[in-house]
Amino acid sequence: MLAMAAAAASPQRPGDTAEIETITDAMIRLLVGTPLRSDGQLTIKSLAQEAGLKRNKLTHKHTGLKDLFYALVRMQGAQPKVADDLKRKNDELQQKLARLRTERDQLRTDFQQLVRVVHVLEVENRQLRESASRDGVIRVLPLQHQPSARSICRPRSGPNHLSIESDS
C-alpha cells in the first residue's frame, strides 16, 4: 500500500514537486504533534490546512499522499501527542472548575448567612438606640440562653468542645 501511495505521489508536472514537499512536511508536523497552521487533528482537512493548500489538492490531485497519510495515521493511532496533552489539560481544568464552582456556592451560602446576621444586629442596635433615646438609659437585651447556677460543663464530641448541661 505504501509503495502504491509513493508511486501515485510522484510528480507529473514541474510545480507538483513543491506541493508534494509541502504536503509531506505538513504530514510530518501533524504526525509528530507540532502543527503550525492547523488544529493538529489527523484529518485531511487539517493536513490541507497545515500544508497551506486547498483540500481538493489532496482528495483529487495527490490521492497517493492522501492514502499515505491515512496509512500512517492508522499505524500511529488515532490521536497525536498534542491531542493527548490537550485532553489531559482539559480534564485538569474541568476538575479545577468543578472545585471552584463548589467553593463559589459555599461562599454564596456563607455570604447570605452573614447578611442575615448583620441584619439582626442592625435591628438590635436600632432597638437599643430607640430605647436609650426615650429615657436615656441603655437596657441590656436578655440573653437567649442563661446558664443556671447548677449547670455543669461536660466535654462533647472532642477535647476542645464543652457543653453546658443542667443537673435539673
N, C-alpha and C. Protein backbone atom coordinates (compact mmCIF):
# COMPACT_ATOMS: atom_id res chain seq x y z
N MET A 1 0.82 -1.19 0.00
CA MET A 1 0.00 0.00 0.00
C MET A 1 0.86 1.25 0.00
N LEU A 2 1.91 1.27 0.83
CA LEU A 2 2.80 2.42 0.87
C LEU A 2 3.52 2.61 -0.46
N ALA A 3 3.86 1.52 -1.11
CA ALA A 3 4.53 1.62 -2.41
C ALA A 3 3.60 2.22 -3.45
N MET A 4 2.31 1.83 -3.41
CA MET A 4 1.34 2.40 -4.35
C MET A 4 1.14 3.89 -4.06
N ALA A 5 1.11 4.26 -2.80
CA ALA A 5 0.93 5.67 -2.44
C ALA A 5 2.13 6.48 -2.89
N ALA A 6 3.33 5.94 -2.71
CA ALA A 6 4.53 6.67 -3.13
C ALA A 6 4.58 6.81 -4.65
N ALA A 7 4.16 5.77 -5.38
CA ALA A 7 4.14 5.85 -6.84
C ALA A 7 3.11 6.86 -7.32
N ALA A 8 1.98 6.91 -6.62
CA ALA A 8 0.93 7.85 -7.01
C ALA A 8 1.33 9.28 -6.67
N ALA A 9 2.26 9.45 -5.75
CA ALA A 9 2.68 10.79 -5.34
C ALA A 9 3.78 11.35 -6.22
N SER A 10 4.29 10.57 -7.15
CA SER A 10 5.39 11.07 -7.98
C SER A 10 4.91 12.25 -8.82
N PRO A 11 5.75 13.27 -8.96
CA PRO A 11 5.34 14.49 -9.66
C PRO A 11 5.06 14.25 -11.14
N GLN A 12 3.96 14.80 -11.61
CA GLN A 12 3.61 14.69 -13.01
C GLN A 12 3.89 16.00 -13.73
N ARG A 13 3.89 17.11 -13.00
CA ARG A 13 4.15 18.43 -13.57
C ARG A 13 5.29 19.07 -12.78
N PRO A 14 5.93 20.08 -13.34
CA PRO A 14 7.04 20.72 -12.63
C PRO A 14 6.63 21.35 -11.29
N GLY A 15 5.44 21.90 -11.17
CA GLY A 15 5.00 22.54 -9.92
C GLY A 15 4.57 21.56 -8.85
N ASP A 16 4.40 20.30 -9.24
CA ASP A 16 3.93 19.30 -8.29
C ASP A 16 4.96 18.96 -7.22
N THR A 17 6.23 19.07 -7.54
CA THR A 17 7.28 18.72 -6.58
C THR A 17 7.18 19.58 -5.33
N ALA A 18 6.97 20.88 -5.50
CA ALA A 18 6.85 21.78 -4.35
C ALA A 18 5.62 21.42 -3.51
N GLU A 19 4.52 21.12 -4.17
CA GLU A 19 3.30 20.74 -3.43
C GLU A 19 3.52 19.45 -2.66
N ILE A 20 4.18 18.48 -3.28
CA ILE A 20 4.43 17.20 -2.62
C ILE A 20 5.31 17.40 -1.38
N GLU A 21 6.34 18.23 -1.51
CA GLU A 21 7.21 18.50 -0.36
C GLU A 21 6.44 19.22 0.74
N THR A 22 5.60 20.15 0.36
CA THR A 22 4.79 20.88 1.35
C THR A 22 3.85 19.92 2.08
N ILE A 23 3.22 19.04 1.33
CA ILE A 23 2.28 18.09 1.94
C ILE A 23 3.02 17.12 2.86
N THR A 24 4.16 16.61 2.43
CA THR A 24 4.89 15.65 3.28
C THR A 24 5.43 16.34 4.55
N ASP A 25 5.87 17.59 4.42
CA ASP A 25 6.30 18.33 5.61
C ASP A 25 5.13 18.52 6.58
N ALA A 26 3.96 18.82 6.03
CA ALA A 26 2.77 19.00 6.86
C ALA A 26 2.39 17.67 7.53
N MET A 27 2.52 16.56 6.79
CA MET A 27 2.24 15.24 7.38
C MET A 27 3.14 15.00 8.58
N ILE A 28 4.42 15.28 8.40
CA ILE A 28 5.37 15.04 9.50
C ILE A 28 5.00 15.88 10.72
N ARG A 29 4.70 17.17 10.49
CA ARG A 29 4.35 18.03 11.62
C ARG A 29 3.10 17.53 12.33
N LEU A 30 2.09 17.09 11.58
CA LEU A 30 0.87 16.59 12.21
C LEU A 30 1.11 15.29 12.96
N LEU A 31 1.86 14.39 12.36
CA LEU A 31 2.10 13.09 12.99
C LEU A 31 2.99 13.21 14.23
N VAL A 32 3.89 14.16 14.21
CA VAL A 32 4.77 14.37 15.37
C VAL A 32 4.03 15.12 16.47
N GLY A 33 3.04 15.91 16.06
CA GLY A 33 2.26 16.66 17.04
C GLY A 33 2.70 18.09 17.21
N THR A 34 3.28 18.68 16.15
CA THR A 34 3.72 20.07 16.22
C THR A 34 3.14 20.86 15.04
N PRO A 35 1.82 21.03 15.01
CA PRO A 35 1.21 21.76 13.90
C PRO A 35 1.54 23.25 13.96
N LEU A 36 1.65 23.85 12.78
CA LEU A 36 1.92 25.29 12.70
C LEU A 36 0.69 26.07 12.27
N ARG A 37 -0.12 25.50 11.38
CA ARG A 37 -1.24 26.26 10.80
C ARG A 37 -2.60 25.62 11.01
N SER A 38 -2.68 24.49 11.67
CA SER A 38 -3.96 23.79 11.80
C SER A 38 -4.23 23.46 13.26
N ASP A 39 -5.36 22.78 13.47
CA ASP A 39 -5.76 22.41 14.83
C ASP A 39 -5.03 21.16 15.33
N GLY A 40 -4.25 20.51 14.48
CA GLY A 40 -3.46 19.36 14.90
C GLY A 40 -4.17 18.02 14.80
N GLN A 41 -5.42 18.02 14.35
CA GLN A 41 -6.13 16.75 14.22
C GLN A 41 -5.59 16.00 13.00
N LEU A 42 -5.70 14.70 13.05
CA LEU A 42 -5.18 13.86 11.98
C LEU A 42 -6.26 13.60 10.93
N THR A 43 -6.64 14.67 10.23
CA THR A 43 -7.65 14.59 9.18
C THR A 43 -7.10 15.23 7.91
N ILE A 44 -7.74 14.91 6.80
CA ILE A 44 -7.32 15.50 5.52
C ILE A 44 -7.53 17.01 5.55
N LYS A 45 -8.60 17.45 6.16
CA LYS A 45 -8.86 18.89 6.27
C LYS A 45 -7.70 19.58 7.00
N SER A 46 -7.27 19.01 8.13
CA SER A 46 -6.16 19.59 8.88
C SER A 46 -4.85 19.49 8.11
N LEU A 47 -4.66 18.40 7.39
CA LEU A 47 -3.45 18.24 6.58
C LEU A 47 -3.40 19.32 5.49
N ALA A 48 -4.52 19.54 4.82
CA ALA A 48 -4.56 20.57 3.77
C ALA A 48 -4.31 21.95 4.39
N GLN A 49 -4.91 22.21 5.52
CA GLN A 49 -4.71 23.50 6.19
C GLN A 49 -3.26 23.65 6.62
N GLU A 50 -2.68 22.60 7.14
CA GLU A 50 -1.28 22.62 7.58
C GLU A 50 -0.34 22.85 6.40
N ALA A 51 -0.68 22.27 5.25
CA ALA A 51 0.16 22.42 4.05
C ALA A 51 -0.10 23.75 3.34
N GLY A 52 -1.17 24.42 3.71
CA GLY A 52 -1.49 25.69 3.06
C GLY A 52 -2.10 25.50 1.68
N LEU A 53 -2.75 24.37 1.49
CA LEU A 53 -3.37 24.05 0.19
C LEU A 53 -4.86 23.85 0.37
N LYS A 54 -5.56 23.87 -0.77
CA LYS A 54 -6.98 23.55 -0.72
C LYS A 54 -7.13 22.04 -0.56
N ARG A 55 -8.21 21.65 0.07
CA ARG A 55 -8.43 20.23 0.37
C ARG A 55 -8.53 19.38 -0.90
N ASN A 56 -9.09 19.95 -1.96
CA ASN A 56 -9.25 19.16 -3.19
C ASN A 56 -7.91 18.77 -3.81
N LYS A 57 -6.83 19.48 -3.45
CA LYS A 57 -5.49 19.07 -3.94
C LYS A 57 -5.15 17.68 -3.41
N LEU A 58 -5.60 17.38 -2.19
CA LEU A 58 -5.33 16.06 -1.61
C LEU A 58 -6.36 15.03 -2.03
N THR A 59 -7.60 15.44 -2.16
CA THR A 59 -8.65 14.47 -2.46
C THR A 59 -8.73 14.13 -3.93
N HIS A 60 -8.23 15.01 -4.82
CA HIS A 60 -8.33 14.75 -6.26
C HIS A 60 -6.98 14.64 -6.96
N LYS A 61 -6.03 15.50 -6.60
CA LYS A 61 -4.77 15.52 -7.33
C LYS A 61 -3.71 14.61 -6.71
N HIS A 62 -3.52 14.71 -5.41
CA HIS A 62 -2.48 13.93 -4.72
C HIS A 62 -3.12 12.84 -3.87
N THR A 63 -3.88 11.98 -4.53
CA THR A 63 -4.59 10.92 -3.80
C THR A 63 -3.63 9.92 -3.16
N GLY A 64 -2.47 9.74 -3.76
CA GLY A 64 -1.47 8.85 -3.19
C GLY A 64 -0.97 9.36 -1.85
N LEU A 65 -0.77 10.65 -1.76
CA LEU A 65 -0.34 11.24 -0.48
C LEU A 65 -1.45 11.16 0.55
N LYS A 66 -2.68 11.32 0.09
CA LYS A 66 -3.83 11.18 1.00
C LYS A 66 -3.86 9.76 1.57
N ASP A 67 -3.70 8.75 0.69
CA ASP A 67 -3.70 7.36 1.15
C ASP A 67 -2.52 7.08 2.08
N LEU A 68 -1.36 7.66 1.76
CA LEU A 68 -0.18 7.51 2.61
C LEU A 68 -0.45 8.11 4.00
N PHE A 69 -1.04 9.27 4.02
CA PHE A 69 -1.35 9.92 5.30
C PHE A 69 -2.30 9.06 6.12
N TYR A 70 -3.36 8.56 5.50
CA TYR A 70 -4.30 7.71 6.23
C TYR A 70 -3.62 6.44 6.74
N ALA A 71 -2.71 5.86 5.95
CA ALA A 71 -1.99 4.66 6.39
C ALA A 71 -1.09 4.98 7.59
N LEU A 72 -0.42 6.11 7.54
CA LEU A 72 0.44 6.50 8.66
C LEU A 72 -0.37 6.78 9.92
N VAL A 73 -1.53 7.38 9.74
CA VAL A 73 -2.40 7.65 10.89
C VAL A 73 -2.85 6.35 11.53
N ARG A 74 -3.26 5.38 10.70
CA ARG A 74 -3.69 4.09 11.24
C ARG A 74 -2.55 3.39 11.98
N MET A 75 -1.33 3.50 11.46
CA MET A 75 -0.18 2.87 12.11
C MET A 75 0.16 3.56 13.43
N GLN A 76 -0.01 4.86 13.49
CA GLN A 76 0.35 5.61 14.69
C GLN A 76 -0.70 5.50 15.78
N GLY A 77 -1.93 5.48 15.43
CA GLY A 77 -3.02 5.53 16.40
C GLY A 77 -3.93 6.68 15.99
N ALA A 78 -4.96 6.89 16.77
CA ALA A 78 -5.98 7.85 16.36
C ALA A 78 -5.62 9.30 16.68
N GLN A 79 -4.86 9.57 17.76
CA GLN A 79 -4.62 10.95 18.15
C GLN A 79 -3.13 11.25 18.24
N PRO A 80 -2.75 12.45 17.85
CA PRO A 80 -1.35 12.85 18.02
C PRO A 80 -1.07 13.17 19.49
N LYS A 81 0.20 13.30 19.81
CA LYS A 81 0.61 13.59 21.18
C LYS A 81 0.01 14.90 21.67
N VAL A 82 -0.08 15.89 20.80
CA VAL A 82 -0.65 17.19 21.18
C VAL A 82 -2.09 17.02 21.65
N ALA A 83 -2.85 16.20 20.97
CA ALA A 83 -4.25 16.00 21.36
C ALA A 83 -4.33 15.33 22.73
N ASP A 84 -3.44 14.39 23.01
CA ASP A 84 -3.43 13.75 24.32
C ASP A 84 -3.10 14.75 25.42
N ASP A 85 -2.09 15.62 25.17
CA ASP A 85 -1.75 16.65 26.14
C ASP A 85 -2.91 17.61 26.37
N LEU A 86 -3.56 18.01 25.29
CA LEU A 86 -4.70 18.91 25.41
C LEU A 86 -5.85 18.26 26.17
N LYS A 87 -6.07 16.98 25.95
CA LYS A 87 -7.13 16.26 26.67
C LYS A 87 -6.81 16.22 28.16
N ARG A 88 -5.56 15.92 28.50
CA ARG A 88 -5.16 15.87 29.90
C ARG A 88 -5.33 17.25 30.55
N LYS A 89 -4.88 18.30 29.88
CA LYS A 89 -5.02 19.65 30.42
C LYS A 89 -6.50 20.03 30.57
N ASN A 90 -7.30 19.64 29.59
CA ASN A 90 -8.73 19.92 29.65
C ASN A 90 -9.38 19.22 30.84
N ASP A 91 -9.00 17.97 31.08
CA ASP A 91 -9.54 17.24 32.22
C ASP A 91 -9.16 17.91 33.54
N GLU A 92 -7.89 18.36 33.64
CA GLU A 92 -7.44 19.05 34.85
C GLU A 92 -8.23 20.34 35.05
N LEU A 93 -8.44 21.08 33.98
CA LEU A 93 -9.18 22.34 34.08
C LEU A 93 -10.65 22.10 34.43
N GLN A 94 -11.23 21.01 33.92
CA GLN A 94 -12.61 20.69 34.27
C GLN A 94 -12.73 20.38 35.76
N GLN A 95 -11.76 19.65 36.31
CA GLN A 95 -11.77 19.35 37.74
C GLN A 95 -11.60 20.61 38.56
N LYS A 96 -10.69 21.48 38.13
CA LYS A 96 -10.47 22.74 38.84
C LYS A 96 -11.74 23.60 38.80
N LEU A 97 -12.39 23.63 37.65
CA LEU A 97 -13.63 24.39 37.50
C LEU A 97 -14.71 23.86 38.44
N ALA A 98 -14.81 22.55 38.55
CA ALA A 98 -15.81 21.96 39.46
C ALA A 98 -15.51 22.34 40.90
N ARG A 99 -14.22 22.30 41.29
CA ARG A 99 -13.85 22.70 42.66
C ARG A 99 -14.17 24.17 42.90
N LEU A 100 -13.86 25.01 41.93
CA LEU A 100 -14.11 26.44 42.09
C LEU A 100 -15.61 26.75 42.16
N ARG A 101 -16.40 26.02 41.39
CA ARG A 101 -17.85 26.22 41.46
C ARG A 101 -18.39 25.82 42.83
N THR A 102 -17.89 24.72 43.37
CA THR A 102 -18.31 24.28 44.71
C THR A 102 -17.92 25.33 45.75
N GLU A 103 -16.70 25.83 45.64
CA GLU A 103 -16.23 26.86 46.56
C GLU A 103 -17.08 28.13 46.43
N ARG A 104 -17.39 28.51 45.20
CA ARG A 104 -18.24 29.69 44.97
C ARG A 104 -19.60 29.52 45.61
N ASP A 105 -20.19 28.35 45.45
CA ASP A 105 -21.51 28.10 46.05
C ASP A 105 -21.44 28.17 47.57
N GLN A 106 -20.38 27.64 48.16
CA GLN A 106 -20.22 27.70 49.60
C GLN A 106 -20.05 29.14 50.05
N LEU A 107 -19.28 29.92 49.31
CA LEU A 107 -19.10 31.33 49.66
C LEU A 107 -20.41 32.11 49.55
N ARG A 108 -21.22 31.79 48.57
CA ARG A 108 -22.53 32.44 48.44
C ARG A 108 -23.40 32.13 49.65
N THR A 109 -23.40 30.87 50.07
CA THR A 109 -24.18 30.47 51.25
C THR A 109 -23.68 31.20 52.49
N ASP A 110 -22.35 31.23 52.67
CA ASP A 110 -21.78 31.93 53.82
C ASP A 110 -22.13 33.41 53.78
N PHE A 111 -22.06 34.00 52.63
CA PHE A 111 -22.38 35.42 52.47
C PHE A 111 -23.84 35.69 52.86
N GLN A 112 -24.74 34.86 52.38
CA GLN A 112 -26.16 35.05 52.72
C GLN A 112 -26.39 34.93 54.22
N GLN A 113 -25.70 33.99 54.83
CA GLN A 113 -25.84 33.83 56.28
C GLN A 113 -25.29 35.05 57.01
N LEU A 114 -24.16 35.58 56.57
CA LEU A 114 -23.59 36.77 57.20
C LEU A 114 -24.49 37.99 57.00
N VAL A 115 -25.14 38.09 55.86
CA VAL A 115 -26.07 39.19 55.62
C VAL A 115 -27.22 39.12 56.62
N ARG A 116 -27.73 37.92 56.87
CA ARG A 116 -28.81 37.76 57.86
C ARG A 116 -28.34 38.16 59.26
N VAL A 117 -27.11 37.77 59.63
CA VAL A 117 -26.57 38.11 60.94
C VAL A 117 -26.43 39.62 61.08
N VAL A 118 -25.90 40.27 60.04
CA VAL A 118 -25.76 41.73 60.08
C VAL A 118 -27.12 42.39 60.21
N HIS A 119 -28.10 41.88 59.52
CA HIS A 119 -29.45 42.45 59.61
C HIS A 119 -30.00 42.35 61.03
N VAL A 120 -29.84 41.18 61.65
CA VAL A 120 -30.31 41.01 63.02
C VAL A 120 -29.58 41.97 63.95
N LEU A 121 -28.28 42.12 63.78
CA LEU A 121 -27.52 43.04 64.63
C LEU A 121 -27.96 44.49 64.41
N GLU A 122 -28.26 44.84 63.17
CA GLU A 122 -28.73 46.20 62.89
C GLU A 122 -30.09 46.45 63.58
N VAL A 123 -30.97 45.47 63.55
CA VAL A 123 -32.27 45.61 64.20
C VAL A 123 -32.08 45.76 65.71
N GLU A 124 -31.25 44.92 66.30
CA GLU A 124 -30.99 45.02 67.74
C GLU A 124 -30.37 46.37 68.09
N ASN A 125 -29.43 46.83 67.28
CA ASN A 125 -28.78 48.12 67.52
C ASN A 125 -29.80 49.25 67.45
N ARG A 126 -30.69 49.20 66.48
CA ARG A 126 -31.73 50.23 66.33
C ARG A 126 -32.65 50.21 67.56
N GLN A 127 -33.02 49.01 68.00
CA GLN A 127 -33.87 48.91 69.18
C GLN A 127 -33.18 49.49 70.42
N LEU A 128 -31.91 49.23 70.58
CA LEU A 128 -31.17 49.78 71.72
C LEU A 128 -31.10 51.30 71.65
N ARG A 129 -30.83 51.81 70.45
CA ARG A 129 -30.75 53.27 70.30
C ARG A 129 -32.11 53.92 70.60
N GLU A 130 -33.19 53.32 70.12
CA GLU A 130 -34.52 53.87 70.39
C GLU A 130 -34.83 53.82 71.88
N SER A 131 -34.47 52.74 72.53
CA SER A 131 -34.70 52.58 73.95
C SER A 131 -33.90 53.61 74.74
N ALA A 132 -32.67 53.83 74.35
CA ALA A 132 -31.80 54.78 75.06
C ALA A 132 -32.25 56.22 74.81
N SER A 133 -32.77 56.49 73.63
CA SER A 133 -33.17 57.86 73.32
C SER A 133 -34.45 58.25 74.06
N ARG A 134 -35.31 57.30 74.40
CA ARG A 134 -36.56 57.60 75.11
C ARG A 134 -36.31 58.04 76.55
N ASP A 135 -35.53 57.29 77.29
CA ASP A 135 -35.36 57.64 78.70
C ASP A 135 -33.90 57.82 79.11
N GLY A 136 -32.96 57.76 78.16
CA GLY A 136 -31.55 57.98 78.45
C GLY A 136 -30.86 56.81 79.14
N VAL A 137 -31.51 55.70 79.27
CA VAL A 137 -30.93 54.53 79.93
C VAL A 137 -30.75 53.43 78.89
N ILE A 138 -29.59 52.85 78.88
CA ILE A 138 -29.32 51.74 77.95
C ILE A 138 -29.71 50.45 78.63
N ARG A 139 -30.57 49.71 77.99
CA ARG A 139 -31.03 48.44 78.56
C ARG A 139 -30.31 47.29 77.84
N VAL A 140 -29.94 46.32 78.59
CA VAL A 140 -29.29 45.13 78.03
C VAL A 140 -30.38 44.16 77.61
N LEU A 141 -30.26 43.66 76.39
CA LEU A 141 -31.24 42.69 75.93
C LEU A 141 -31.01 41.36 76.64
N PRO A 142 -32.08 40.63 76.90
CA PRO A 142 -31.89 39.33 77.58
C PRO A 142 -31.13 38.35 76.67
N LEU A 143 -30.31 37.54 77.30
CA LEU A 143 -29.57 36.52 76.56
C LEU A 143 -30.52 35.42 76.15
N GLN A 144 -30.18 34.75 75.07
CA GLN A 144 -31.04 33.66 74.62
C GLN A 144 -30.94 32.46 75.55
N HIS A 145 -29.74 32.21 76.09
CA HIS A 145 -29.55 31.07 76.97
C HIS A 145 -28.80 31.56 78.20
N GLN A 146 -29.42 31.44 79.35
CA GLN A 146 -28.77 31.83 80.60
C GLN A 146 -28.51 30.56 81.40
N PRO A 147 -27.24 30.23 81.59
CA PRO A 147 -26.95 29.02 82.36
C PRO A 147 -27.34 29.20 83.82
N SER A 148 -27.90 28.16 84.37
CA SER A 148 -28.28 28.21 85.78
C SER A 148 -27.05 27.99 86.65
N ALA A 149 -27.21 28.25 87.93
CA ALA A 149 -26.08 28.08 88.85
C ALA A 149 -25.70 26.62 88.98
N ARG A 150 -26.60 25.73 88.66
CA ARG A 150 -26.34 24.30 88.82
C ARG A 150 -25.87 23.66 87.52
N SER A 151 -25.48 24.47 86.52
CA SER A 151 -25.03 23.92 85.23
C SER A 151 -23.66 23.29 85.38
N ILE A 152 -23.43 22.27 84.60
CA ILE A 152 -22.16 21.55 84.63
C ILE A 152 -21.55 21.60 83.23
N CYS A 153 -20.25 21.81 83.15
CA CYS A 153 -19.55 21.79 81.86
C CYS A 153 -19.04 20.39 81.63
N ARG A 154 -19.47 19.79 80.55
CA ARG A 154 -19.04 18.43 80.21
C ARG A 154 -18.50 18.43 78.78
N PRO A 155 -17.48 17.61 78.52
CA PRO A 155 -16.95 17.55 77.14
C PRO A 155 -17.99 16.93 76.21
N ARG A 156 -18.04 17.50 75.01
CA ARG A 156 -18.96 16.98 74.00
C ARG A 156 -18.21 16.01 73.12
N SER A 157 -18.10 16.25 71.85
CA SER A 157 -17.54 15.26 70.93
C SER A 157 -16.03 15.33 70.82
N GLY A 158 -15.38 16.26 71.43
CA GLY A 158 -13.94 16.33 71.33
C GLY A 158 -13.35 17.04 72.52
N PRO A 159 -12.03 17.06 72.64
CA PRO A 159 -11.40 17.65 73.81
C PRO A 159 -11.57 19.17 73.85
N ASN A 160 -11.79 19.83 72.73
CA ASN A 160 -11.91 21.28 72.70
C ASN A 160 -13.36 21.75 72.70
N HIS A 161 -14.30 20.86 72.85
CA HIS A 161 -15.71 21.22 72.81
C HIS A 161 -16.32 21.00 74.20
N LEU A 162 -16.94 22.00 74.73
CA LEU A 162 -17.62 21.89 76.02
C LEU A 162 -19.08 22.15 75.81
N SER A 163 -19.87 21.49 76.57
CA SER A 163 -21.30 21.69 76.50
C SER A 163 -21.79 21.98 77.92
N ILE A 164 -22.72 22.92 78.02
CA ILE A 164 -23.27 23.27 79.33
C ILE A 164 -24.58 22.52 79.49
N GLU A 165 -24.64 21.71 80.53
CA GLU A 165 -25.83 20.92 80.80
C GLU A 165 -26.32 21.21 82.20
N SER A 166 -27.57 21.17 82.37
CA SER A 166 -28.16 21.43 83.68
C SER A 166 -28.42 20.12 84.41
N ASP A 167 -28.22 20.14 85.75
CA ASP A 167 -28.46 18.93 86.55
C ASP A 167 -29.94 18.69 86.76
N SER A 168 -30.73 19.71 86.66
CA SER A 168 -32.14 19.56 86.96
C SER A 168 -32.94 18.96 85.86
